[in-house]
C-alpha cells in the first residue's frame, strides 16, 4: 500500500501542521519519525487551534493511529502535559503508540543544552535549549536511555549510573553546574514508566505488518530540509535527520515502501535562529533598511511569523528556488504543498531567487562550501503581484488571479515538481487541491 513522507522543504515553519492535519485523515497510521519538542505545529479542533510538539496529528482522527517512532527523542514531562491538554479538549490519546526504542530527554540534557549555547556567545546556533542535541549526542555515544529501559528498574538504574559517570564531570568542571545523583534522576523519571507502559509498542514490526495488511502510512517530519543534520546549513541545524530518508531510519520501514514525498514550501521563506539565509529581508533591528526592511516586516506581520515552540520572530525572505530544487533532490519530492500564498497579496511585485552569485560565479545549485553560501547574493526574477485581490475564498486553481497562477507555475518550472496542494489561508477549507492523492 502507498505510504507518504511529509517533509519541510525549507528551514522549517513552512506550515506542515496545517497540511498534516488536513490529510492525516486519509491514512491509517500517522508517524512522527525524528526530532523532539523543539518543533511545534498547529492543528484545528473545532474552533480552537491546538499546538502539538510531540504527538502526531493523527491523534485528531479516530480512524488514524498516531505513532511516535524510534527516531524521536521524548521529554516525558512535555508528552504527559500534551496528552492531558488533548484529553481536556476531548481528543483521546488512547490510540497513541510509542516506540520502545525512542530515547528519553533527561534533566541533564536540558542543562547541557543551555550551558553549551550560552558558552558559544555570538556564535550561538539558536537551539531551543530543550535538550534535544545532548540527547542525540548520548544516543550516538551509546549511553542514551530509551523508553524500554523504564520497564526494568534494575536496568534503568544501571544505565543512569553509567550516564551520570560521564555527564556529571562535564556539568561540574566545564560548566560549573549542579550535578545529579542517581536517586534524583530516578525520582523524577521513574513515575512516567506507568504512562509509557500503556502506550509502548514494537512499532517497527507493527508498521511493517500494517503495510502488509494493506494499510497506508503518513510519516510526519519536523523542522525542515535545511535544518537536517547532514544536508542542512551545518552547523546551524537540528540534531536529527529531517529529510525523507530519516523516515526509514526513524521508524524501521524500508525506503522501498515509501511511494510519495510531499514537500511543504511556504510561498516565501522564513527561518528561526542563526545561520546563512541568502534571500533574507533584514528587519531594521538587524541592519535592514528601506524597501528591504519594509518587505521583511510586512511578510512577518501579515504572515504572523512567530515560532510555535519558541515564540521567536522569524527571519523572512523571498522565495528561494535554489533551496527548493535542492530539497526536491535530496528528498525525492513528488508533490509540493505551497502554503501562505495569501500573504503575498500585499505586494505589487514579487521576487523569486533563481540562482546565487558569489565572487563573480553563478550558482544554480546549492553551494557545497559554507563560506560560499554565507557570501552568496541572490539573483532575482521579478514577477507581477496581485496586490489587493483577496484569494482566501478561492477553491480552485482557475479562480486564482492570473498573476498568482503564473507565480505557482513558475515555482513548478524552477523545481520540476507539481504544486498539488495550495493553501490560501489558515483554515482547513481554505485549501486548493490540484491533483493531490494519497493513493
Protein backbone atom coordinates (compact mmCIF):
# COMPACT_ATOMS: atom_id res chain seq x y z
CA UNK A 1 0.00 0.00 0.00
CA UNK A 2 1.15 3.57 -0.61
CA UNK A 3 2.91 5.49 2.13
CA UNK A 4 3.83 9.16 2.16
CA UNK A 5 6.58 11.16 3.82
CA UNK A 6 5.63 14.75 4.60
CA UNK A 7 8.68 16.98 4.99
CA UNK A 8 9.55 20.64 5.31
CA UNK A 9 11.39 21.80 2.19
CA UNK A 10 12.92 24.99 3.66
CA UNK A 11 14.16 25.88 7.18
CA UNK A 12 11.07 24.60 8.96
CA UNK A 13 7.93 26.57 9.86
CA UNK A 14 6.56 26.01 6.35
CA UNK A 15 3.03 25.25 7.55
CA UNK A 16 3.47 21.49 7.90
CA UNK A 17 0.95 21.42 10.73
CA UNK A 18 -1.96 22.54 8.61
CA UNK A 19 -1.13 20.19 5.73
CA UNK A 20 -0.54 17.22 8.03
CA UNK A 21 -3.76 17.95 9.86
CA UNK A 22 -5.53 18.32 6.52
CA UNK A 23 -4.51 14.99 5.00
CA UNK A 24 -3.91 12.84 8.10
CA UNK A 25 -7.45 11.54 7.97
CA UNK A 26 -6.64 9.80 4.67
CA UNK A 27 -4.17 7.49 6.41
CA UNK A 28 -4.40 4.55 8.80
CA UNK A 29 -1.22 5.48 10.68
CA UNK A 30 0.41 8.87 11.19
CA UNK A 31 4.01 8.51 12.39
CA UNK A 32 6.45 11.06 13.78
CA UNK A 33 9.97 9.89 12.89
CA UNK A 34 12.51 12.44 14.20
CA UNK A 35 13.11 15.45 16.42
CA UNK A 36 11.52 16.23 19.74
CA UNK A 37 9.62 19.04 21.38
CA UNK A 38 11.91 21.55 19.69
CA UNK A 39 9.35 21.62 16.89
CA UNK A 40 5.71 22.55 17.00
CA UNK A 41 2.76 22.66 14.69
CA UNK A 42 -0.79 23.88 14.97
CA UNK A 43 -3.86 21.74 14.34
CA UNK A 44 -7.50 22.73 14.29
CA UNK A 45 -10.03 21.18 16.67
CA UNK A 46 -13.48 22.64 16.24
CA UNK A 47 -13.00 26.38 16.60
CA UNK A 48 -9.75 26.02 18.54
CA UNK A 49 -6.12 25.91 17.48
CA UNK A 50 -4.02 23.39 19.39
CA UNK A 51 -0.22 23.39 19.44
CA UNK A 52 1.37 19.93 19.25
CA UNK A 53 5.06 19.32 19.86
CA UNK A 54 5.43 15.54 20.12
CA UNK A 55 2.15 13.79 19.37
CA UNK A 56 1.44 13.25 15.64
CA UNK A 57 -1.54 14.97 14.04
CA UNK A 58 -3.22 11.60 13.53
CA UNK A 59 -4.43 11.87 17.12
CA UNK A 60 -7.13 14.22 15.82
CA UNK A 61 -8.72 11.47 13.69
CA UNK A 62 -10.44 8.45 15.20
CA UNK A 63 -9.56 6.26 12.19
CA UNK A 64 -5.83 7.02 12.40
CA UNK A 65 -3.29 5.56 14.83
CA UNK A 66 -0.71 8.14 15.98
CA UNK A 67 2.78 6.69 16.44
CA UNK A 68 5.97 8.16 17.90
CA UNK A 69 8.83 6.36 16.16
CA UNK A 70 12.25 5.27 17.35
CA UNK A 71 13.93 8.31 15.78
CA UNK A 72 12.16 10.74 18.13
CA UNK A 73 13.59 11.96 21.45
CA UNK A 74 10.94 12.34 24.13
CA UNK A 75 10.71 14.72 27.07
CA UNK A 76 8.31 12.71 29.25
CA UNK A 77 7.02 15.75 31.11
CA UNK A 78 6.15 17.52 27.86
CA UNK A 79 4.50 14.40 26.47
CA UNK A 80 2.30 13.93 29.54
CA UNK A 81 1.24 17.59 29.53
CA UNK A 82 0.41 17.40 25.82
CA UNK A 83 -1.68 14.29 26.38
CA UNK A 84 -3.53 15.98 29.25
CA UNK A 85 -4.18 19.06 27.10
CA UNK A 86 -5.66 16.95 24.32
CA UNK A 87 -7.80 14.89 26.69
CA UNK A 88 -9.12 18.11 28.25
CA UNK A 89 -10.17 19.23 24.77
CA UNK A 90 -12.00 15.95 24.17
CA UNK A 91 -9.28 14.38 21.99
CA UNK A 92 -8.50 10.83 23.09
CA UNK A 93 -4.85 9.74 23.30
CA UNK A 94 -5.76 6.09 23.93
CA UNK A 95 -4.59 5.09 20.42
CA UNK A 96 -1.15 6.67 20.80
CA UNK A 97 1.74 4.24 20.36
CA UNK A 98 5.33 4.94 21.36
CA UNK A 99 8.37 3.08 20.10
CA UNK A 100 10.15 1.17 22.84
CA UNK A 101 13.42 2.28 21.17
CA UNK A 102 12.77 6.05 21.34
CA UNK A 103 15.25 7.91 23.54
CA UNK A 104 14.33 9.94 26.61
CA UNK A 105 15.43 13.52 27.22
CA UNK A 106 16.86 13.63 30.74
CA UNK A 107 17.09 16.69 33.04
CA UNK A 108 20.83 16.97 32.48
CA UNK A 109 20.33 17.14 28.71
CA UNK A 110 18.49 20.43 29.11
CA UNK A 111 21.19 21.76 31.44
CA UNK A 112 23.90 20.88 28.93
CA UNK A 113 21.96 22.38 26.03
CA UNK A 114 21.51 25.74 27.72
CA UNK A 115 25.06 25.90 29.06
CA UNK A 116 26.62 24.97 25.72
CA UNK A 117 24.60 27.57 23.86
CA UNK A 118 25.48 30.26 26.40
CA UNK A 119 29.17 29.48 26.10
CA UNK A 120 29.05 29.92 22.31
CA UNK A 121 28.14 33.58 22.81
CA UNK A 122 27.77 35.43 19.50
CA UNK A 123 28.32 32.12 17.68
CA UNK A 124 25.17 30.56 19.12
CA UNK A 125 23.43 28.02 16.94
CA UNK A 126 19.99 29.13 18.07
CA UNK A 127 18.80 25.92 19.74
CA UNK A 128 15.56 25.82 21.71
CA UNK A 129 17.55 24.69 24.79
CA UNK A 130 15.18 21.78 25.31
CA UNK A 131 17.91 19.13 25.49
CA UNK A 132 17.42 17.76 22.00
CA UNK A 133 21.03 17.90 20.83
CA UNK A 134 22.60 16.45 24.01
CA UNK A 135 20.04 13.62 23.98
CA UNK A 136 21.01 12.71 20.41
CA UNK A 137 24.68 13.01 21.42
CA UNK A 138 24.14 10.42 24.14
CA UNK A 139 22.28 8.22 21.66
CA UNK A 140 25.24 8.24 19.28
CA UNK A 141 27.69 7.78 22.16
CA UNK A 142 25.68 4.68 23.16
CA UNK A 143 24.91 5.92 26.64
CA UNK A 144 21.35 7.06 25.94
CA UNK A 145 18.33 5.89 27.92
CA UNK A 146 15.40 4.51 25.95
CA UNK A 147 11.72 4.17 26.70
CA UNK A 148 12.09 0.39 27.14
CA UNK A 149 14.66 0.93 29.90
CA UNK A 150 11.89 2.22 32.16
CA UNK A 151 10.32 -1.25 32.20
CA UNK A 152 13.13 -2.70 34.32
CA UNK A 153 14.17 -0.68 37.37
CA UNK A 154 17.47 -2.52 37.65
CA UNK A 155 18.36 -1.79 34.02
CA UNK A 156 17.21 1.81 34.36
CA UNK A 157 19.34 2.37 37.46
CA UNK A 158 22.39 0.79 35.81
CA UNK A 159 22.05 2.99 32.72
CA UNK A 160 21.54 6.16 34.76
CA UNK A 161 24.69 5.37 36.76
CA UNK A 162 26.68 4.89 33.56
CA UNK A 163 25.37 8.10 32.04
CA UNK A 164 25.99 10.22 35.13
CA UNK A 165 29.56 8.95 35.44
CA UNK A 166 30.28 10.81 32.19
CA UNK A 167 27.80 13.67 32.42
CA UNK A 168 28.42 14.90 35.97
CA UNK A 169 32.11 15.79 35.43
CA UNK A 170 31.10 17.88 32.40
CA UNK A 171 28.32 19.64 34.30
CA UNK A 172 30.63 20.43 37.22
CA UNK A 173 34.07 21.01 35.72
CA UNK A 174 33.20 22.50 32.35
CA UNK A 175 30.07 24.49 33.13
CA UNK A 176 30.10 24.82 36.93
CA UNK A 177 26.58 23.46 37.18
CA UNK A 178 24.65 21.29 39.61
CA UNK A 179 25.35 17.57 39.31
CA UNK A 180 22.81 14.77 39.72
CA UNK A 181 22.57 11.71 41.89
CA UNK A 182 21.09 8.50 40.56
CA UNK A 183 18.25 8.82 43.06
CA UNK A 184 17.36 12.32 41.83
CA UNK A 185 17.01 11.10 38.26
CA UNK A 186 15.05 8.00 39.22
CA UNK A 187 12.72 10.04 41.41
CA UNK A 188 11.95 12.42 38.52
CA UNK A 189 11.74 10.00 35.59
CA UNK A 190 10.56 6.65 37.01
CA UNK A 191 6.97 7.83 37.69
CA UNK A 192 6.48 8.21 33.93
CA UNK A 193 7.04 4.49 33.40
CA UNK A 194 3.38 3.64 34.06
CA UNK A 195 2.28 6.03 31.29
CA UNK A 196 4.88 4.78 28.81
CA UNK A 197 3.93 1.20 29.63
CA UNK A 198 0.33 1.85 28.46
CA UNK A 199 1.45 3.13 25.05
CA UNK A 200 4.71 1.32 24.36
CA UNK A 201 4.89 -0.91 21.28
CA UNK A 202 7.27 -2.67 18.90
CA UNK A 203 6.40 -0.01 16.33
CA UNK A 204 8.81 -1.20 13.62
CA UNK A 205 7.10 -4.59 13.47
CA UNK A 206 3.67 -3.02 13.83
CA UNK A 207 4.15 -0.61 10.91
CA UNK A 208 5.58 -3.25 8.58
CA UNK A 209 2.72 -5.58 9.47
CA UNK A 210 0.28 -2.75 8.75
CA UNK A 211 1.71 -2.27 5.26
CA UNK A 212 1.45 -6.00 4.59
CA UNK A 213 -2.20 -5.83 5.67
CA UNK A 214 -2.94 -3.11 3.12
CA UNK A 215 -2.87 -0.14 5.49
CA UNK A 216 -1.31 3.18 4.46
CA UNK A 217 1.05 5.36 6.48
CA UNK A 218 1.85 9.06 6.67
CA UNK A 219 5.33 9.79 8.01
CA UNK A 220 5.26 13.23 9.59
CA UNK A 221 8.53 15.14 9.65
CA UNK A 222 9.50 18.06 11.86
CA UNK A 223 11.81 21.03 11.17
CA UNK A 224 12.91 21.25 7.53
CA UNK A 225 15.42 20.09 4.92
CA UNK A 226 17.85 22.96 5.52
CA UNK A 227 17.92 22.02 9.22
CA UNK A 228 18.84 18.39 8.53
CA UNK A 229 21.98 17.29 10.39
CA UNK A 230 23.59 16.04 7.16
CA UNK A 231 22.02 18.10 4.39
CA UNK A 232 21.23 21.39 6.13
CA UNK A 233 23.19 24.60 6.67
CA UNK A 234 25.55 22.96 9.16
CA UNK A 235 26.26 23.76 11.99
CA UNK A 236 23.06 25.82 12.18
CA UNK A 237 20.91 22.73 12.03
CA UNK A 238 18.96 20.44 14.30
CA UNK A 239 20.36 17.14 15.58
CA UNK A 240 18.31 14.67 13.57
CA UNK A 241 17.56 13.57 10.01
CA UNK A 242 14.67 15.78 8.87
CA UNK A 243 14.83 14.66 5.25
CA UNK A 244 12.65 11.95 3.75
CA UNK A 245 15.37 9.34 4.28
CA UNK A 246 15.01 9.88 8.01
CA UNK A 247 11.57 8.31 7.83
CA UNK A 248 13.16 4.94 7.09
CA UNK A 249 15.75 5.06 9.87
CA UNK A 250 13.38 6.76 12.31
CA UNK A 251 10.68 4.09 12.02
CA UNK A 252 12.25 0.91 10.63
CA UNK A 253 10.13 0.95 7.47
CA UNK A 254 12.31 0.33 4.41
CA UNK A 255 12.70 3.09 1.78
CA UNK A 256 11.21 0.93 -0.98
CA UNK A 257 7.91 1.04 0.89
CA UNK A 258 7.68 4.83 0.58
CA UNK A 259 5.81 5.87 -2.55
CA UNK A 260 5.30 9.64 -2.19
CA UNK A 261 7.17 12.56 -0.69
CA UNK A 262 5.12 15.69 -0.06
CA UNK A 263 7.37 18.73 0.34
CA UNK A 264 5.86 21.68 2.19
CA UNK A 265 7.06 25.02 0.86
CA UNK A 266 5.99 28.45 2.01
CA UNK A 267 5.28 30.89 -0.84
CA UNK A 268 8.18 32.87 0.61
CA UNK A 269 10.92 31.71 3.03
CA UNK A 270 11.44 32.03 6.77
CA UNK A 271 13.90 30.70 9.31
CA UNK A 272 14.33 30.91 13.07
CA UNK A 273 17.74 31.13 14.67
CA UNK A 274 21.19 31.79 13.31
CA UNK A 275 22.80 30.78 10.04
CA UNK A 276 23.01 31.83 6.39
CA UNK A 277 19.85 33.00 4.61
CA UNK A 278 20.59 34.37 1.10
CA UNK A 279 17.15 35.90 0.39
CA UNK A 280 16.67 37.37 3.87
CA UNK A 281 14.89 40.73 4.02
CA UNK A 282 16.55 42.01 7.17
CA UNK A 283 14.49 43.76 9.81
CA UNK A 284 15.58 47.25 10.93
CA UNK A 285 16.93 45.85 14.21
CA UNK A 286 19.16 43.55 12.14
CA UNK A 287 20.51 46.29 9.91
CA UNK A 288 17.87 46.25 7.18
CA UNK A 289 16.87 49.50 5.52
CA UNK A 290 14.39 50.91 3.03
CA UNK A 291 12.32 48.62 0.81
CA UNK A 292 14.14 45.51 2.03
CA UNK A 293 13.27 46.12 5.68
CA UNK A 294 9.71 47.16 4.83
CA UNK A 295 9.11 43.98 2.80
CA UNK A 296 10.53 41.81 5.59
CA UNK A 297 8.37 43.49 8.22
CA UNK A 298 5.29 43.11 6.02
CA UNK A 299 5.88 39.39 5.47
CA UNK A 300 6.39 38.93 9.21
CA UNK A 301 3.33 40.86 10.34
CA UNK A 302 0.87 39.63 7.70
CA UNK A 303 2.17 36.05 7.91
CA UNK A 304 2.23 36.07 11.75
CA UNK A 305 5.76 34.76 11.60
CA UNK A 306 6.48 33.77 15.18
CA UNK A 307 7.62 30.29 16.21
CA UNK A 308 5.00 27.90 17.63
CA UNK A 309 7.52 26.43 20.07
CA UNK A 310 9.75 29.40 20.85
CA UNK A 311 7.62 32.45 20.08
CA UNK A 312 10.70 33.90 18.37
CA UNK A 313 10.28 36.30 15.47
CA UNK A 314 11.13 34.51 12.24
CA UNK A 315 13.54 35.94 9.71
CA UNK A 316 11.73 36.43 6.39
CA UNK A 317 12.76 36.48 2.73
CA UNK A 318 11.64 35.97 -0.85
CA UNK A 319 11.08 32.52 -2.31
CA UNK A 320 14.37 30.73 -2.95
CA UNK A 321 14.26 28.32 -5.91
CA UNK A 322 17.85 27.21 -5.28
CA UNK A 323 16.98 25.60 -1.96
CA UNK A 324 13.64 24.44 -3.42
CA UNK A 325 15.48 22.49 -6.15
CA UNK A 326 17.95 21.17 -3.58
CA UNK A 327 15.14 19.99 -1.30
CA UNK A 328 13.42 18.31 -4.23
CA UNK A 329 16.59 16.34 -5.00
CA UNK A 330 17.71 15.25 -1.52
CA UNK A 331 14.17 14.23 -0.54
CA UNK A 332 12.91 12.89 -3.85
CA UNK A 333 9.89 15.20 -3.59
CA UNK A 334 6.98 14.07 -5.76
CA UNK A 335 4.48 16.80 -4.80
CA UNK A 336 4.66 20.31 -3.37
CA UNK A 337 2.20 21.79 -0.89
CA UNK A 338 2.54 25.57 -1.25
CA UNK A 339 1.44 27.45 1.85
CA UNK A 340 0.64 31.05 2.79
CA UNK A 341 0.09 32.21 -0.77
CA UNK A 342 -2.40 34.77 0.59
CA UNK A 343 0.38 36.65 2.41
CA UNK A 344 1.78 37.72 -0.98
CA UNK A 345 -1.49 39.54 -1.78
CA UNK A 346 0.07 42.55 -0.02
CA UNK A 347 2.73 43.12 -2.71
CA UNK A 348 2.71 44.94 -6.08
CA UNK A 349 5.65 42.89 -7.34
CA UNK A 350 7.23 39.67 -6.15
CA UNK A 351 10.79 38.42 -6.30
CA UNK A 352 11.96 34.84 -6.79
CA UNK A 353 15.60 33.89 -6.29
CA UNK A 354 16.61 31.74 -9.27
CA UNK A 355 20.36 31.48 -8.53
CA UNK A 356 23.15 32.79 -6.29
CA UNK A 357 26.21 34.86 -7.16
CA UNK A 358 29.47 34.75 -5.23
CA UNK A 359 32.80 36.22 -6.35
CA UNK A 360 31.54 36.57 -9.90
CA UNK A 361 30.39 32.93 -10.17
CA UNK A 362 26.75 31.95 -10.66
CA UNK A 363 25.34 29.05 -8.63
CA UNK A 364 22.15 27.47 -9.93
CA UNK A 365 22.61 24.71 -7.36
CA UNK A 366 23.04 24.76 -3.59
CA UNK A 367 26.75 25.53 -2.99
CA UNK A 368 28.85 22.89 -1.30
CA UNK A 369 31.04 25.26 0.70
CA UNK A 370 29.61 27.01 3.74
CA UNK A 371 31.70 30.11 3.07
CA UNK A 372 30.20 30.44 -0.42
CA UNK A 373 26.67 30.20 0.95
CA UNK A 374 27.44 32.85 3.58
CA UNK A 375 28.63 35.34 0.95
CA UNK A 376 26.14 34.49 -1.78
CA UNK A 377 23.88 37.21 -3.18
CA UNK A 378 20.51 36.25 -4.62
CA UNK A 379 19.85 36.63 -8.34
CA UNK A 380 16.20 37.60 -8.62
CA UNK A 381 13.50 37.44 -11.23
CA UNK A 382 10.62 39.85 -10.66
CA UNK A 383 7.01 38.85 -11.22
CA UNK A 384 3.88 40.99 -11.12
CA UNK A 385 1.82 40.52 -7.98
CA UNK A 386 -1.92 40.60 -7.33
CA UNK A 387 -1.95 43.24 -4.60
CA UNK A 388 -5.36 43.87 -3.07
CA UNK A 389 -7.03 40.77 -4.51
CA UNK A 390 -8.50 38.56 -1.79
CA UNK A 391 -7.67 34.96 -2.68
CA UNK A 392 -8.75 33.40 0.63
CA UNK A 393 -12.07 32.27 -0.84
CA UNK A 394 -10.65 30.63 -3.96
CA UNK A 395 -11.48 26.94 -4.19
CA UNK A 396 -9.79 26.07 -7.49
CA UNK A 397 -6.61 26.98 -9.32
CA UNK A 398 -8.63 28.68 -12.05
CA UNK A 399 -10.24 31.04 -9.52
CA UNK A 400 -6.87 32.45 -8.52
CA UNK A 401 -5.76 35.75 -10.12
CA UNK A 402 -3.79 35.19 -13.30
CA UNK A 403 -0.60 36.53 -11.71
CA UNK A 404 -0.98 34.10 -8.79
CA UNK A 405 -1.36 31.24 -11.27
CA UNK A 406 1.79 32.37 -13.06
CA UNK A 407 3.68 32.57 -9.76
CA UNK A 408 2.76 28.96 -8.92
CA UNK A 409 3.59 27.74 -12.43
CA UNK A 410 6.96 29.48 -12.25
CA UNK A 411 7.76 27.65 -9.00
CA UNK A 412 6.80 24.38 -10.67
CA UNK A 413 9.04 25.22 -13.63
CA UNK A 414 12.01 26.06 -11.39
CA UNK A 415 11.66 23.00 -9.16
CA UNK A 416 10.36 20.42 -11.64
CA UNK A 417 7.71 19.36 -9.12
CA UNK A 418 3.93 19.97 -9.32
CA UNK A 419 2.17 22.09 -6.69
CA UNK A 420 -0.55 19.61 -5.79
CA UNK A 421 -1.83 21.45 -2.71
CA UNK A 422 -2.14 25.24 -2.39
CA UNK A 423 -3.04 26.89 0.90
CA UNK A 424 -4.74 30.28 0.50
CA UNK A 425 -5.48 30.94 4.21
CA UNK A 426 -5.13 29.19 7.60
CA UNK A 427 -8.41 27.26 7.79
CA UNK A 428 -8.73 23.70 6.54
CA UNK A 429 -11.28 24.53 3.86
CA UNK A 430 -9.14 27.38 2.54
CA UNK A 431 -7.06 24.96 0.51
CA UNK A 432 -6.93 24.14 -3.19
CA UNK A 433 -6.31 20.50 -4.15
CA UNK A 434 -4.74 20.29 -7.59
CA UNK A 435 -4.01 16.69 -8.39
CA UNK A 436 -3.16 15.53 -4.87
CA UNK A 437 -3.97 11.94 -3.93
CA UNK A 438 -2.74 9.82 -1.07
CA UNK A 439 -3.05 6.75 -3.33
